[in-house]
Amino acid sequence: MTGAPAPMRLTAEITCPSCGCTFTGRWTEGRETAAQRCGSCGHVFDATWPGFTFEPQTVIISPSAEEPGHGAA
C-alpha cells in the first residue's frame, strides 16, 4: 500500500478554561488548533498547541528576465 504517511499526533498538558483541571490535549501535526474536551467537566474548547511555531515567509518571484543570468539579449 502506498500513499502519504499518517500525520504525527502531538500531545501537551493544557488547562481547562472552565474548571482549571489539567489534562493531556491532542493535536494533529500541521494544525495549530484543535477542539479539546476536558475529562473532568466535559467542557469543549479550541486550544492552540503550545509547541506550535509559525514563521511567516515572504517569497518574491521575479520575471525570468530579471533573474541573474537571464537578462535580455
PDB file of N, CA and C in Angstrom:
ATOM      1  N   MET A   1       0.845  -1.174   0.000  1.00  0.00           N
ATOM      2  CA  MET A   1       0.000   0.000   0.000  1.00  0.00           C
ATOM      3  C   MET A   1       0.892   1.239   0.000  1.00  0.00           C
ATOM      4  N   THR A   2       0.613   2.175  -0.876  1.00  0.00           N
ATOM      5  CA  THR A   2       1.405   3.394  -0.955  1.00  0.00           C
ATOM      6  C   THR A   2       0.528   4.587  -0.590  1.00  0.00           C
ATOM      7  N   GLY A   3       1.193   5.689  -0.384  1.00  0.00           N
ATOM      8  CA  GLY A   3       0.468   6.911  -0.038  1.00  0.00           C
ATOM      9  C   GLY A   3       1.250   7.710   0.965  1.00  0.00           C
ATOM     10  N   ALA A   4       0.656   8.816   1.369  1.00  0.00           N
ATOM     11  CA  ALA A   4       1.305   9.701   2.333  1.00  0.00           C
ATOM     12  C   ALA A   4       1.323   9.035   3.703  1.00  0.00           C
ATOM     13  N   PRO A   5       2.378   9.293   4.465  1.00  0.00           N
ATOM     14  CA  PRO A   5       2.426   8.734   5.817  1.00  0.00           C
ATOM     15  C   PRO A   5       1.344   9.365   6.691  1.00  0.00           C
ATOM     16  N   ALA A   6       0.897   8.631   7.682  1.00  0.00           N
ATOM     17  CA  ALA A   6      -0.109   9.155   8.603  1.00  0.00           C
ATOM     18  C   ALA A   6       0.460  10.354   9.346  1.00  0.00           C
ATOM     19  N   PRO A   7      -0.369  11.377   9.585  1.00  0.00           N
ATOM     20  CA  PRO A   7       0.136  12.549  10.313  1.00  0.00           C
ATOM     21  C   PRO A   7       0.528  12.178  11.736  1.00  0.00           C
ATOM     22  N   MET A   8       1.553  12.846  12.224  1.00  0.00           N
ATOM     23  CA  MET A   8       2.018  12.604  13.577  1.00  0.00           C
ATOM     24  C   MET A   8       1.034  13.217  14.570  1.00  0.00           C
ATOM     25  N   ARG A   9       0.812  12.540  15.668  1.00  0.00           N
ATOM     26  CA  ARG A   9      -0.069  13.034  16.718  1.00  0.00           C
ATOM     27  C   ARG A   9       0.781  13.755  17.758  1.00  0.00           C
ATOM     28  N   LEU A  10       0.350  14.936  18.152  1.00  0.00           N
ATOM     29  CA  LEU A  10       1.084  15.742  19.126  1.00  0.00           C
ATOM     30  C   LEU A  10       0.267  15.842  20.408  1.00  0.00           C
ATOM     31  N   THR A  11       0.930  15.859  21.551  1.00  0.00           N
ATOM     32  CA  THR A  11       0.245  15.994  22.834  1.00  0.00           C
ATOM     33  C   THR A  11       0.956  17.027  23.695  1.00  0.00           C
ATOM     34  N   ALA A  12       0.208  17.614  24.611  1.00  0.00           N
ATOM     35  CA  ALA A  12       0.774  18.559  25.575  1.00  0.00           C
ATOM     36  C   ALA A  12      -0.221  18.718  26.715  1.00  0.00           C
ATOM     37  N   GLU A  13       0.292  19.035  27.881  1.00  0.00           N
ATOM     38  CA  GLU A  13      -0.563  19.299  29.036  1.00  0.00           C
ATOM     39  C   GLU A  13      -1.196  20.674  28.865  1.00  0.00           C
ATOM     40  N   ILE A  14      -2.519  20.742  29.012  1.00  0.00           N
ATOM     41  CA  ILE A  14      -3.233  22.018  28.935  1.00  0.00           C
ATOM     42  C   ILE A  14      -4.192  22.118  30.116  1.00  0.00           C
ATOM     43  N   THR A  15      -4.665  23.335  30.358  1.00  0.00           N
ATOM     44  CA  THR A  15      -5.577  23.597  31.468  1.00  0.00           C
ATOM     45  C   THR A  15      -6.943  23.971  30.923  1.00  0.00           C
ATOM     46  N   CYS A  16      -7.975  23.352  31.460  1.00  0.00           N
ATOM     47  CA  CYS A  16      -9.341  23.658  31.062  1.00  0.00           C
ATOM     48  C   CYS A  16      -9.692  25.075  31.508  1.00  0.00           C
ATOM     49  N   PRO A  17     -10.173  25.929  30.589  1.00  0.00           N
ATOM     50  CA  PRO A  17     -10.529  27.292  30.983  1.00  0.00           C
ATOM     51  C   PRO A  17     -11.785  27.358  31.834  1.00  0.00           C
ATOM     52  N   SER A  18     -12.548  26.275  31.896  1.00  0.00           N
ATOM     53  CA  SER A  18     -13.792  26.268  32.674  1.00  0.00           C
ATOM     54  C   SER A  18     -13.563  25.865  34.125  1.00  0.00           C
ATOM     55  N   CYS A  19     -12.867  24.733  34.349  1.00  0.00           N
ATOM     56  CA  CYS A  19     -12.718  24.236  35.721  1.00  0.00           C
ATOM     57  C   CYS A  19     -11.286  24.292  36.254  1.00  0.00           C
ATOM     58  N   GLY A  20     -10.303  24.573  35.372  1.00  0.00           N
ATOM     59  CA  GLY A  20      -8.916  24.680  35.811  1.00  0.00           C
ATOM     60  C   GLY A  20      -8.184  23.349  35.907  1.00  0.00           C
ATOM     61  N   CYS A  21      -8.847  22.270  35.543  1.00  0.00           N
ATOM     62  CA  CYS A  21      -8.230  20.941  35.570  1.00  0.00           C
ATOM     63  C   CYS A  21      -7.169  20.832  34.469  1.00  0.00           C
ATOM     64  N   THR A  22      -6.053  20.159  34.760  1.00  0.00           N
ATOM     65  CA  THR A  22      -5.003  19.939  33.769  1.00  0.00           C
ATOM     66  C   THR A  22      -5.182  18.551  33.170  1.00  0.00           C
ATOM     67  N   PHE A  23      -5.092  18.478  31.844  1.00  0.00           N
ATOM     68  CA  PHE A  23      -5.200  17.194  31.155  1.00  0.00           C
ATOM     69  C   PHE A  23      -4.344  17.220  29.897  1.00  0.00           C
ATOM     70  N   THR A  24      -4.208  16.078  29.257  1.00  0.00           N
ATOM     71  CA  THR A  24      -3.385  15.968  28.047  1.00  0.00           C
ATOM     72  C   THR A  24      -4.232  16.281  26.826  1.00  0.00           C
ATOM     73  N   GLY A  25      -3.883  17.373  26.124  1.00  0.00           N
ATOM     74  CA  GLY A  25      -4.556  17.739  24.884  1.00  0.00           C
ATOM     75  C   GLY A  25      -3.889  17.028  23.715  1.00  0.00           C
ATOM     76  N   ARG A  26      -4.629  16.864  22.617  1.00  0.00           N
ATOM     77  CA  ARG A  26      -4.101  16.161  21.441  1.00  0.00           C
ATOM     78  C   ARG A  26      -4.342  16.986  20.184  1.00  0.00           C
ATOM     79  N   TRP A  27      -3.318  17.038  19.333  1.00  0.00           N
ATOM     80  CA  TRP A  27      -3.368  17.772  18.076  1.00  0.00           C
ATOM     81  C   TRP A  27      -2.810  16.908  16.961  1.00  0.00           C
ATOM     82  N   THR A  28      -3.124  17.261  15.722  1.00  0.00           N
ATOM     83  CA  THR A  28      -2.560  16.617  14.550  1.00  0.00           C
ATOM     84  C   THR A  28      -1.457  17.515  14.014  1.00  0.00           C
ATOM     85  N   GLU A  29      -0.339  16.925  13.637  1.00  0.00           N
ATOM     86  CA  GLU A  29       0.796  17.688  13.111  1.00  0.00           C
ATOM     87  C   GLU A  29       0.335  18.599  11.976  1.00  0.00           C
ATOM     88  N   GLY A  30       0.815  19.840  12.002  1.00  0.00           N
ATOM     89  CA  GLY A  30       0.484  20.810  10.965  1.00  0.00           C
ATOM     90  C   GLY A  30      -0.750  21.645  11.266  1.00  0.00           C
ATOM     91  N   ARG A  31      -1.462  21.319  12.314  1.00  0.00           N
ATOM     92  CA  ARG A  31      -2.642  22.076  12.709  1.00  0.00           C
ATOM     93  C   ARG A  31      -2.329  22.857  13.971  1.00  0.00           C
ATOM     94  N   GLU A  32      -2.598  24.139  13.957  1.00  0.00           N
ATOM     95  CA  GLU A  32      -2.290  24.980  15.120  1.00  0.00           C
ATOM     96  C   GLU A  32      -3.261  24.745  16.267  1.00  0.00           C
ATOM     97  N   THR A  33      -4.547  24.607  15.950  1.00  0.00           N
ATOM     98  CA  THR A  33      -5.550  24.445  16.996  1.00  0.00           C
ATOM     99  C   THR A  33      -6.331  23.149  16.801  1.00  0.00           C
ATOM    100  N   ALA A  34      -6.961  22.710  17.868  1.00  0.00           N
ATOM    101  CA  ALA A  34      -7.827  21.531  17.820  1.00  0.00           C
ATOM    102  C   ALA A  34      -8.840  21.622  18.950  1.00  0.00           C
ATOM    103  N   ALA A  35     -10.009  21.046  18.724  1.00  0.00           N
ATOM    104  CA  ALA A  35     -11.022  21.006  19.766  1.00  0.00           C
ATOM    105  C   ALA A  35     -10.558  20.051  20.860  1.00  0.00           C
ATOM    106  N   GLN A  36     -10.694  20.479  22.101  1.00  0.00           N
ATOM    107  CA  GLN A  36     -10.296  19.669  23.248  1.00  0.00           C
ATOM    108  C   GLN A  36     -11.507  19.503  24.163  1.00  0.00           C
ATOM    109  N   ARG A  37     -11.591  18.357  24.827  1.00  0.00           N
ATOM    110  CA  ARG A  37     -12.678  18.103  25.768  1.00  0.00           C
ATOM    111  C   ARG A  37     -12.087  17.755  27.119  1.00  0.00           C
ATOM    112  N   CYS A  38     -12.448  18.518  28.119  1.00  0.00           N
ATOM    113  CA  CYS A  38     -11.975  18.272  29.479  1.00  0.00           C
ATOM    114  C   CYS A  38     -12.632  17.001  30.007  1.00  0.00           C
ATOM    115  N   GLY A  39     -11.815  16.089  30.520  1.00  0.00           N
ATOM    116  CA  GLY A  39     -12.333  14.850  31.061  1.00  0.00           C
ATOM    117  C   GLY A  39     -13.039  15.029  32.398  1.00  0.00           C
ATOM    118  N   SER A  40     -12.783  16.129  33.085  1.00  0.00           N
ATOM    119  CA  SER A  40     -13.395  16.358  34.395  1.00  0.00           C
ATOM    120  C   SER A  40     -14.782  16.994  34.295  1.00  0.00           C
ATOM    121  N   CYS A  41     -14.887  18.088  33.542  1.00  0.00           N
ATOM    122  CA  CYS A  41     -16.163  18.805  33.490  1.00  0.00           C
ATOM    123  C   CYS A  41     -16.887  18.669  32.150  1.00  0.00           C
ATOM    124  N   GLY A  42     -16.206  18.124  31.125  1.00  0.00           N
ATOM    125  CA  GLY A  42     -16.826  17.935  29.819  1.00  0.00           C
ATOM    126  C   GLY A  42     -16.814  19.158  28.927  1.00  0.00           C
ATOM    127  N   HIS A  43     -16.223  20.258  29.396  1.00  0.00           N
ATOM    128  CA  HIS A  43     -16.167  21.492  28.609  1.00  0.00           C
ATOM    129  C   HIS A  43     -15.356  21.248  27.338  1.00  0.00           C
ATOM    130  N   VAL A  44     -15.883  21.701  26.179  1.00  0.00           N
ATOM    131  CA  VAL A  44     -15.190  21.566  24.894  1.00  0.00           C
ATOM    132  C   VAL A  44     -14.738  22.956  24.461  1.00  0.00           C
ATOM    133  N   PHE A  45     -13.486  23.066  24.058  1.00  0.00           N
ATOM    134  CA  PHE A  45     -12.927  24.355  23.651  1.00  0.00           C
ATOM    135  C   PHE A  45     -11.805  24.130  22.650  1.00  0.00           C
ATOM    136  N   ASP A  46     -11.526  25.163  21.846  1.00  0.00           N
ATOM    137  CA  ASP A  46     -10.394  25.122  20.912  1.00  0.00           C
ATOM    138  C   ASP A  46      -9.143  25.528  21.664  1.00  0.00           C
ATOM    139  N   ALA A  47      -8.088  24.754  21.491  1.00  0.00           N
ATOM    140  CA  ALA A  47      -6.825  25.055  22.162  1.00  0.00           C
ATOM    141  C   ALA A  47      -5.701  25.071  21.141  1.00  0.00           C
ATOM    142  N   THR A  48      -4.777  25.984  21.325  1.00  0.00           N
ATOM    143  CA  THR A  48      -3.595  26.077  20.473  1.00  0.00           C
ATOM    144  C   THR A  48      -2.513  25.195  21.066  1.00  0.00           C
ATOM    145  N   TRP A  49      -1.891  24.374  20.213  1.00  0.00           N
ATOM    146  CA  TRP A  49      -0.802  23.523  20.678  1.00  0.00           C
ATOM    147  C   TRP A  49       0.323  24.420  21.168  1.00  0.00           C
ATOM    148  N   PRO A  50       0.796  24.241  22.417  1.00  0.00           N
ATOM    149  CA  PRO A  50       1.817  25.135  22.979  1.00  0.00           C
ATOM    150  C   PRO A  50       3.147  25.108  22.231  1.00  0.00           C
ATOM    151  N   GLY A  51       3.414  24.060  21.483  1.00  0.00           N
ATOM    152  CA  GLY A  51       4.673  23.970  20.740  1.00  0.00           C
ATOM    153  C   GLY A  51       4.570  24.468  19.315  1.00  0.00           C
ATOM    154  N   PHE A  52       3.399  25.001  18.931  1.00  0.00           N
ATOM    155  CA  PHE A  52       3.214  25.448  17.555  1.00  0.00           C
ATOM    156  C   PHE A  52       4.069  26.675  17.289  1.00  0.00           C
ATOM    157  N   THR A  53       4.867  26.611  16.247  1.00  0.00           N
ATOM    158  CA  THR A  53       5.665  27.775  15.837  1.00  0.00           C
ATOM    159  C   THR A  53       5.330  28.089  14.396  1.00  0.00           C
ATOM    160  N   PHE A  54       4.957  29.292  14.149  1.00  0.00           N
ATOM    161  CA  PHE A  54       4.628  29.719  12.800  1.00  0.00           C
ATOM    162  C   PHE A  54       5.492  30.909  12.455  1.00  0.00           C
ATOM    163  N   GLU A  55       6.261  30.762  11.414  1.00  0.00           N
ATOM    164  CA  GLU A  55       7.102  31.856  10.946  1.00  0.00           C
ATOM    165  C   GLU A  55       6.666  32.195   9.529  1.00  0.00           C
ATOM    166  N   PRO A  56       5.967  33.311   9.373  1.00  0.00           N
ATOM    167  CA  PRO A  56       5.525  33.673   8.028  1.00  0.00           C
ATOM    168  C   PRO A  56       6.717  33.888   7.110  1.00  0.00           C
ATOM    169  N   GLN A  57       6.551  33.500   5.879  1.00  0.00           N
ATOM    170  CA  GLN A  57       7.622  33.656   4.903  1.00  0.00           C
ATOM    171  C   GLN A  57       7.135  34.526   3.757  1.00  0.00           C
ATOM    172  N   THR A  58       8.028  35.344   3.255  1.00  0.00           N
ATOM    173  CA  THR A  58       7.735  36.152   2.076  1.00  0.00           C
ATOM    174  C   THR A  58       8.552  35.603   0.931  1.00  0.00           C
ATOM    175  N   VAL A  59       7.877  35.273  -0.147  1.00  0.00           N
ATOM    176  CA  VAL A  59       8.557  34.754  -1.323  1.00  0.00           C
ATOM    177  C   VAL A  59       8.362  35.753  -2.440  1.00  0.00           C
ATOM    178  N   ILE A  60       9.463  36.189  -3.028  1.00  0.00           N
ATOM    179  CA  ILE A  60       9.403  37.147  -4.135  1.00  0.00           C
ATOM    180  C   ILE A  60       9.784  36.418  -5.409  1.00  0.00           C
ATOM    181  N   ILE A  61       8.884  36.426  -6.364  1.00  0.00           N
ATOM    182  CA  ILE A  61       9.140  35.768  -7.645  1.00  0.00           C
ATOM    183  C   ILE A  61       9.216  36.861  -8.692  1.00  0.00           C
ATOM    184  N   SER A  62      10.353  36.900  -9.381  1.00  0.00           N
ATOM    185  CA  SER A  62      10.525  37.928 -10.400  1.00  0.00           C
ATOM    186  C   SER A  62      10.423  37.281 -11.785  1.00  0.00           C
ATOM    187  N   PRO A  63      10.081  38.082 -12.801  1.00  0.00           N
ATOM    188  CA  PRO A  63      10.076  37.551 -14.166  1.00  0.00           C
ATOM    189  C   PRO A  63      11.478  37.046 -14.514  1.00  0.00           C
ATOM    190  N   SER A  64      11.569  36.040 -15.356  1.00  0.00           N
ATOM    191  CA  SER A  64      12.864  35.431 -15.672  1.00  0.00           C
ATOM    192  C   SER A  64      13.855  36.435 -16.257  1.00  0.00           C
ATOM    193  N   ALA A  65      13.403  37.495 -16.911  1.00  0.00           N
ATOM    194  CA  ALA A  65      14.308  38.495 -17.476  1.00  0.00           C
ATOM    195  C   ALA A  65      15.048  39.250 -16.387  1.00  0.00           C
ATOM    196  N   GLU A  66      14.530  39.265 -15.168  1.00  0.00           N
ATOM    197  CA  GLU A  66      15.179  39.985 -14.087  1.00  0.00           C
ATOM    198  C   GLU A  66      16.083  39.100 -13.236  1.00  0.00           C
ATOM    199  N   GLU A  67      16.056  37.801 -13.482  1.00  0.00           N
ATOM    200  CA  GLU A  67      16.892  36.898 -12.708  1.00  0.00           C
ATOM    201  C   GLU A  67      18.323  37.003 -13.205  1.00  0.00           C
ATOM    202  N   PRO A  68      19.295  36.907 -12.304  1.00  0.00           N
ATOM    203  CA  PRO A  68      20.694  36.951 -12.719  1.00  0.00           C
ATOM    204  C   PRO A  68      20.961  35.845 -13.747  1.00  0.00           C
ATOM    205  N   GLY A  69      21.640  36.226 -14.811  1.00  0.00           N
ATOM    206  CA  GLY A  69      21.991  35.250 -15.844  1.00  0.00           C
ATOM    207  C   GLY A  69      20.910  35.046 -16.881  1.00  0.00           C
ATOM    208  N   HIS A  70      19.760  35.719 -16.729  1.00  0.00           N
ATOM    209  CA  HIS A  70      18.673  35.569 -17.695  1.00  0.00           C
ATOM    210  C   HIS A  70      18.281  36.920 -18.278  1.00  0.00           C
ATOM    211  N   GLY A  71      19.207  37.813 -18.372  1.00  0.00           N
ATOM    212  CA  GLY A  71      18.914  39.150 -18.874  1.00  0.00           C
ATOM    213  C   GLY A  71      18.538  39.142 -20.333  1.00  0.00           C
ATOM    214  N   ALA A  72      17.974  40.224 -20.782  1.00  0.00           N
ATOM    215  CA  ALA A  72      17.587  40.339 -22.200  1.00  0.00           C
ATOM    216  C   ALA A  72      18.824  40.364 -23.065  1.00  0.00           C
ATOM    217  N   ALA A  73      18.743  39.749 -24.208  1.00  0.00           N
ATOM    218  CA  ALA A  73      19.897  39.662 -25.124  1.00  0.00           C
ATOM    219  C   ALA A  73      19.951  40.845 -26.026  1.00  0.00           C
TER     220      ALA A  73
END
